[in-house]
PDB file of all heavy atoms in Angstrom:
ATOM      1  N   GLU A   1      82.065 110.808 109.028  1.00  0.00           N
ATOM      2  CA  GLU A   1      82.814 111.933 109.600  1.00  0.00           C
ATOM      3  C   GLU A   1      81.879 113.059 110.016  1.00  0.00           C
ATOM      4  O   GLU A   1      82.039 113.651 111.096  1.00  0.00           O
ATOM      5  CB  GLU A   1      83.838 112.439 108.575  1.00  0.00           C
ATOM      6  CG  GLU A   1      84.973 111.456 108.304  1.00  0.00           C
ATOM      7  CD  GLU A   1      85.859 111.885 107.139  1.00  0.00           C
ATOM      8  OE1 GLU A   1      85.348 112.550 106.206  1.00  0.00           O
ATOM      9  OE2 GLU A   1      87.053 111.549 107.160  1.00  0.00           O
ATOM     10  N   ARG A   2      80.884 113.362 109.177  1.00  0.00           N
ATOM     11  CA  ARG A   2      79.919 114.423 109.516  1.00  0.00           C
ATOM     12  C   ARG A   2      79.112 114.045 110.759  1.00  0.00           C
ATOM     13  O   ARG A   2      78.868 114.885 111.627  1.00  0.00           O
ATOM     14  CB  ARG A   2      78.974 114.680 108.346  1.00  0.00           C
ATOM     15  CG  ARG A   2      79.581 115.510 107.233  1.00  0.00           C
ATOM     16  CD  ARG A   2      78.521 116.033 106.276  1.00  0.00           C
ATOM     17  NE  ARG A   2      77.753 114.950 105.652  1.00  0.00           N
ATOM     18  CZ  ARG A   2      78.135 114.321 104.550  1.00  0.00           C
ATOM     19  NH1 ARG A   2      79.268 114.652 103.944  1.00  0.00           N
ATOM     20  NH2 ARG A   2      77.375 113.369 104.043  1.00  0.00           N
ATOM     21  N   ALA A   3      78.684 112.796 110.841  1.00  0.00           N
ATOM     22  CA  ALA A   3      77.862 112.359 111.976  1.00  0.00           C
ATOM     23  C   ALA A   3      78.657 112.385 113.280  1.00  0.00           C
ATOM     24  O   ALA A   3      78.111 112.711 114.343  1.00  0.00           O
ATOM     25  CB  ALA A   3      77.319 110.956 111.716  1.00  0.00           C
ATOM     26  N   ILE A   4      79.954 112.090 113.181  1.00  0.00           N
ATOM     27  CA  ILE A   4      80.793 112.071 114.382  1.00  0.00           C
ATOM     28  C   ILE A   4      81.331 113.464 114.699  1.00  0.00           C
ATOM     29  O   ILE A   4      81.532 113.817 115.865  1.00  0.00           O
ATOM     30  CB  ILE A   4      81.965 111.070 114.200  1.00  0.00           C
ATOM     31  CG1 ILE A   4      81.418 109.640 114.138  1.00  0.00           C
ATOM     32  CG2 ILE A   4      82.993 111.200 115.325  1.00  0.00           C
ATOM     33  CD1 ILE A   4      82.466 108.584 113.830  1.00  0.00           C
ATOM     34  N   GLY A   5      81.554 114.244 113.637  1.00  0.00           N
ATOM     35  CA  GLY A   5      82.128 115.575 113.834  1.00  0.00           C
ATOM     36  C   GLY A   5      83.640 115.545 113.893  1.00  0.00           C
ATOM     37  O   GLY A   5      84.266 116.387 114.543  1.00  0.00           O
ATOM     38  N   ARG A   6      84.237 114.569 113.210  1.00  0.00           N
ATOM     39  CA  ARG A   6      85.702 114.428 113.242  1.00  0.00           C
ATOM     40  C   ARG A   6      86.155 113.781 111.937  1.00  0.00           C
ATOM     41  O   ARG A   6      85.505 112.859 111.441  1.00  0.00           O
ATOM     42  CB  ARG A   6      86.105 113.553 114.427  1.00  0.00           C
ATOM     43  CG  ARG A   6      87.600 113.470 114.675  1.00  0.00           C
ATOM     44  CD  ARG A   6      87.903 112.543 115.839  1.00  0.00           C
ATOM     45  NE  ARG A   6      87.170 112.921 117.046  1.00  0.00           N
ATOM     46  CZ  ARG A   6      87.129 112.158 118.151  1.00  0.00           C
ATOM     47  NH1 ARG A   6      87.734 110.975 118.162  1.00  0.00           N
ATOM     48  NH2 ARG A   6      86.457 112.559 119.207  1.00  0.00           N
ATOM     49  N   GLU A   7      87.273 114.260 111.398  1.00  0.00           N
ATOM     50  CA  GLU A   7      87.789 113.684 110.155  1.00  0.00           C
ATOM     51  C   GLU A   7      88.603 112.435 110.462  1.00  0.00           C
ATOM     52  O   GLU A   7      89.344 112.382 111.454  1.00  0.00           O
ATOM     53  CB  GLU A   7      88.645 114.706 109.413  1.00  0.00           C
ATOM     54  CG  GLU A   7      89.066 114.240 108.018  1.00  0.00           C
ATOM     55  CD  GLU A   7      89.761 115.328 107.223  1.00  0.00           C
ATOM     56  OE1 GLU A   7      89.689 116.501 107.643  1.00  0.00           O
ATOM     57  OE2 GLU A   7      90.390 114.986 106.195  1.00  0.00           O
ATOM     58  N   ALA A   8      88.488 111.453 109.587  1.00  0.00           N
ATOM     59  CA  ALA A   8      89.223 110.201 109.768  1.00  0.00           C
ATOM     60  C   ALA A   8      90.615 110.304 109.171  1.00  0.00           C
ATOM     61  O   ALA A   8      90.822 110.951 108.147  1.00  0.00           O
ATOM     62  CB  ALA A   8      88.467 109.057 109.106  1.00  0.00           C
ATOM     63  N   VAL A   9      91.570 109.629 109.841  1.00  0.00           N
ATOM     64  CA  VAL A   9      92.891 109.407 109.244  1.00  0.00           C
ATOM     65  C   VAL A   9      92.773 108.127 108.427  1.00  0.00           C
ATOM     66  O   VAL A   9      92.348 107.088 108.935  1.00  0.00           O
ATOM     67  CB  VAL A   9      93.972 109.247 110.336  1.00  0.00           C
ATOM     68  CG1 VAL A   9      95.326 108.961 109.685  1.00  0.00           C
ATOM     69  CG2 VAL A   9      94.028 110.488 111.204  1.00  0.00           C
ATOM     70  N   LYS A  10      93.101 108.204 107.133  1.00  0.00           N
ATOM     71  CA  LYS A  10      92.821 107.085 106.224  1.00  0.00           C
ATOM     72  C   LYS A  10      94.079 106.348 105.821  1.00  0.00           C
ATOM     73  O   LYS A  10      95.067 106.962 105.411  1.00  0.00           O
ATOM     74  CB  LYS A  10      92.079 107.599 104.987  1.00  0.00           C
ATOM     75  CG  LYS A  10      90.756 108.305 105.343  1.00  0.00           C
ATOM     76  CD  LYS A  10      90.212 109.091 104.178  1.00  0.00           C
ATOM     77  CE  LYS A  10      89.016 109.933 104.602  1.00  0.00           C
ATOM     78  NZ  LYS A  10      89.411 111.131 105.378  1.00  0.00           N
ATOM     79  N   ASN A  11      94.020 105.021 105.923  1.00  0.00           N
ATOM     80  CA  ASN A  11      95.097 104.146 105.502  1.00  0.00           C
ATOM     81  C   ASN A  11      94.628 103.408 104.249  1.00  0.00           C
ATOM     82  O   ASN A  11      93.842 102.463 104.340  1.00  0.00           O
ATOM     83  CB  ASN A  11      95.424 103.160 106.639  1.00  0.00           C
ATOM     84  CG  ASN A  11      96.558 102.233 106.308  1.00  0.00           C
ATOM     85  OD1 ASN A  11      97.415 102.558 105.489  1.00  0.00           O
ATOM     86  ND2 ASN A  11      96.556 101.059 106.927  1.00  0.00           N
ATOM     87  N   PHE A  12      95.074 103.862 103.066  1.00  0.00           N
ATOM     88  CA  PHE A  12      94.592 103.303 101.805  1.00  0.00           C
ATOM     89  C   PHE A  12      95.334 102.005 101.474  1.00  0.00           C
ATOM     90  O   PHE A  12      96.557 101.948 101.525  1.00  0.00           O
ATOM     91  CB  PHE A  12      94.753 104.316 100.675  1.00  0.00           C
ATOM     92  CG  PHE A  12      93.827 105.500 100.811  1.00  0.00           C
ATOM     93  CD1 PHE A  12      94.279 106.703 101.331  1.00  0.00           C
ATOM     94  CD2 PHE A  12      92.496 105.389 100.434  1.00  0.00           C
ATOM     95  CE1 PHE A  12      93.418 107.789 101.465  1.00  0.00           C
ATOM     96  CE2 PHE A  12      91.628 106.470 100.561  1.00  0.00           C
ATOM     97  CZ  PHE A  12      92.086 107.665 101.079  1.00  0.00           C
ATOM     98  N   LEU A  13      94.553 100.965 101.150  1.00  0.00           N
ATOM     99  CA  LEU A  13      95.098  99.623 100.927  1.00  0.00           C
ATOM    100  C   LEU A  13      94.531  99.025  99.639  1.00  0.00           C
ATOM    101  O   LEU A  13      93.503  99.476  99.141  1.00  0.00           O
ATOM    102  CB  LEU A  13      94.752  98.715 102.107  1.00  0.00           C
ATOM    103  CG  LEU A  13      95.346  99.109 103.468  1.00  0.00           C
ATOM    104  CD1 LEU A  13      94.689  98.312 104.582  1.00  0.00           C
ATOM    105  CD2 LEU A  13      96.854  98.897 103.470  1.00  0.00           C
ATOM    106  N   PRO A  14      95.164  97.963  99.100  1.00  0.00           N
ATOM    107  CA  PRO A  14      94.640  97.311  97.901  1.00  0.00           C
ATOM    108  C   PRO A  14      93.337  96.572  98.174  1.00  0.00           C
ATOM    109  O   PRO A  14      92.951  96.346  99.328  1.00  0.00           O
ATOM    110  CB  PRO A  14      95.751  96.316  97.515  1.00  0.00           C
ATOM    111  CG  PRO A  14      96.933  96.682  98.329  1.00  0.00           C
ATOM    112  CD  PRO A  14      96.435  97.387  99.545  1.00  0.00           C
ATOM    113  N   LEU A  15      92.658  96.162  97.098  1.00  0.00           N
ATOM    114  CA  LEU A  15      91.449  95.346  97.200  1.00  0.00           C
ATOM    115  C   LEU A  15      91.785  94.034  97.881  1.00  0.00           C
ATOM    116  O   LEU A  15      92.809  93.420  97.599  1.00  0.00           O
ATOM    117  CB  LEU A  15      90.881  95.077  95.801  1.00  0.00           C
ATOM    118  CG  LEU A  15      89.534  94.347  95.714  1.00  0.00           C
ATOM    119  CD1 LEU A  15      88.412  95.235  96.220  1.00  0.00           C
ATOM    120  CD2 LEU A  15      89.250  93.923  94.273  1.00  0.00           C
ATOM    121  N   GLN A  16      90.909  93.609  98.794  1.00  0.00           N
ATOM    122  CA  GLN A  16      91.139  92.359  99.515  1.00  0.00           C
ATOM    123  C   GLN A  16      90.668  91.160  98.710  1.00  0.00           C
ATOM    124  O   GLN A  16      89.722  91.268  97.918  1.00  0.00           O
ATOM    125  CB  GLN A  16      90.393  92.376 100.857  1.00  0.00           C
ATOM    126  CG  GLN A  16      90.910  93.408 101.832  1.00  0.00           C
ATOM    127  CD  GLN A  16      90.232  93.285 103.167  1.00  0.00           C
ATOM    128  OE1 GLN A  16      90.781  92.756 104.121  1.00  0.00           O
ATOM    129  NE2 GLN A  16      89.003  93.748 103.238  1.00  0.00           N
ATOM    130  N   ALA A  17      91.318  90.020  98.925  1.00  0.00           N
ATOM    131  CA  ALA A  17      90.921  88.779  98.262  1.00  0.00           C
ATOM    132  C   ALA A  17      89.467  88.460  98.595  1.00  0.00           C
ATOM    133  O   ALA A  17      89.047  88.574  99.744  1.00  0.00           O
ATOM    134  CB  ALA A  17      91.819  87.631  98.707  1.00  0.00           C
ATOM    135  N   GLY A  18      88.701  88.078  97.579  1.00  0.00           N
ATOM    136  CA  GLY A  18      87.303  87.710  97.782  1.00  0.00           C
ATOM    137  C   GLY A  18      86.341  88.868  97.732  1.00  0.00           C
ATOM    138  O   GLY A  18      85.122  88.667  97.744  1.00  0.00           O
ATOM    139  N   ASP A  19      86.872  90.100  97.692  1.00  0.00           N
ATOM    140  CA  ASP A  19      85.998  91.280  97.681  1.00  0.00           C
ATOM    141  C   ASP A  19      85.727  91.708  96.235  1.00  0.00           C
ATOM    142  O   ASP A  19      86.424  91.319  95.315  1.00  0.00           O
ATOM    143  CB  ASP A  19      86.645  92.425  98.457  1.00  0.00           C
ATOM    144  CG  ASP A  19      85.637  93.265  99.210  1.00  0.00           C
ATOM    145  OD1 ASP A  19      84.436  93.180  98.865  1.00  0.00           O
ATOM    146  OD2 ASP A  19      86.032  93.987 100.147  1.00  0.00           O
ATOM    147  N   VAL A  20      84.700  92.515  96.053  1.00  0.00           N
ATOM    148  CA  VAL A  20      84.367  93.027  94.719  1.00  0.00           C
ATOM    149  C   VAL A  20      84.360  94.560  94.764  1.00  0.00           C
ATOM    150  O   VAL A  20      84.046  95.146  95.801  1.00  0.00           O
ATOM    151  CB  VAL A  20      82.996  92.513  94.215  1.00  0.00           C
ATOM    152  CG1 VAL A  20      83.039  90.993  94.061  1.00  0.00           C
ATOM    153  CG2 VAL A  20      81.868  92.927  95.141  1.00  0.00           C
ATOM    154  N   PRO A  21      84.699  95.230  93.647  1.00  0.00           N
ATOM    155  CA  PRO A  21      84.787  96.693  93.665  1.00  0.00           C
ATOM    156  C   PRO A  21      83.444  97.402  93.791  1.00  0.00           C
ATOM    157  O   PRO A  21      83.380  98.516  94.312  1.00  0.00           O
ATOM    158  CB  PRO A  21      85.432  97.023  92.306  1.00  0.00           C
ATOM    159  CG  PRO A  21      85.987  95.746  91.796  1.00  0.00           C
ATOM    160  CD  PRO A  21      85.150  94.656  92.373  1.00  0.00           C
ATOM    161  N   ALA A  22      82.370  96.779  93.289  1.00  0.00           N
ATOM    162  CA  ALA A  22      81.099  97.507  93.244  1.00  0.00           C
ATOM    163  C   ALA A  22      79.904  96.576  93.371  1.00  0.00           C
ATOM    164  O   ALA A  22      79.954  95.415  92.948  1.00  0.00           O
ATOM    165  CB  ALA A  22      80.994  98.302  91.939  1.00  0.00           C
ATOM    166  N   THR A  23      78.817  97.097  93.981  1.00  0.00           N
ATOM    167  CA  THR A  23      77.518  96.415  93.981  1.00  0.00           C
ATOM    168  C   THR A  23      76.432  97.449  93.714  1.00  0.00           C
ATOM    169  O   THR A  23      76.563  98.614  94.087  1.00  0.00           O
ATOM    170  CB  THR A  23      77.213  95.707  95.327  1.00  0.00           C
ATOM    171  OG1 THR A  23      77.111  96.679  96.374  1.00  0.00           O
ATOM    172  CG2 THR A  23      78.286  94.694  95.672  1.00  0.00           C
ATOM    173  N   HIS A  24      75.376  97.020  93.048  1.00  0.00           N
ATOM    174  CA  HIS A  24      74.250  97.902  92.710  1.00  0.00           C
ATOM    175  C   HIS A  24      73.039  97.014  92.445  1.00  0.00           C
ATOM    176  O   HIS A  24      73.064  96.192  91.535  1.00  0.00           O
ATOM    177  CB  HIS A  24      74.604  98.746  91.484  1.00  0.00           C
ATOM    178  CG  HIS A  24      73.507  99.661  91.037  1.00  0.00           C
ATOM    179  ND1 HIS A  24      73.553 100.386  89.858  1.00  0.00           N
ATOM    180  CD2 HIS A  24      72.297  99.973  91.596  1.00  0.00           C
ATOM    181  CE1 HIS A  24      72.444 101.098  89.725  1.00  0.00           C
ATOM    182  NE2 HIS A  24      71.664 100.859  90.759  1.00  0.00           N
ATOM    183  N   ALA A  25      72.003  97.182  93.235  1.00  0.00           N
ATOM    184  CA  ALA A  25      70.839  96.299  93.152  1.00  0.00           C
ATOM    185  C   ALA A  25      69.764  96.837  92.216  1.00  0.00           C
ATOM    186  O   ALA A  25      69.376  98.003  92.309  1.00  0.00           O
ATOM    187  CB  ALA A  25      70.229  96.111  94.539  1.00  0.00           C
ATOM    188  N   ASP A  26      69.290  95.971  91.341  1.00  0.00           N
ATOM    189  CA  ASP A  26      68.042  96.209  90.613  1.00  0.00           C
ATOM    190  C   ASP A  26      66.922  95.650  91.507  1.00  0.00           C
ATOM    191  O   ASP A  26      66.946  94.471  91.867  1.00  0.00           O
ATOM    192  CB  ASP A  26      68.088  95.459  89.282  1.00  0.00           C
ATOM    193  CG  ASP A  26      66.829  95.641  88.438  1.00  0.00           C
ATOM    194  OD1 ASP A  26      65.727  95.779  89.012  1.00  0.00           O
ATOM    195  OD2 ASP A  26      66.943  95.590  87.203  1.00  0.00           O
ATOM    196  N   VAL A  27      65.965  96.480  91.893  1.00  0.00           N
ATOM    197  CA  VAL A  27      64.919  96.029  92.826  1.00  0.00           C
ATOM    198  C   VAL A  27      63.531  95.984  92.183  1.00  0.00           C
ATOM    199  O   VAL A  27      62.515  95.975  92.886  1.00  0.00           O
ATOM    200  CB  VAL A  27      64.883  96.902  94.105  1.00  0.00           C
ATOM    201  CG1 VAL A  27      66.189  96.775  94.878  1.00  0.00           C
ATOM    202  CG2 VAL A  27      64.582  98.359  93.780  1.00  0.00           C
TER     203      VAL A  27
END
C-alpha cells in the first residue's frame, strides 16, 4: 500500500487447503 500510495480493500477468507500459516527459515 505504501509503495503504491493507495489503501487496499481487503476480503478476509479462511486458510486455503494445502497452505500453511507460517514459514521461517534457519539459514
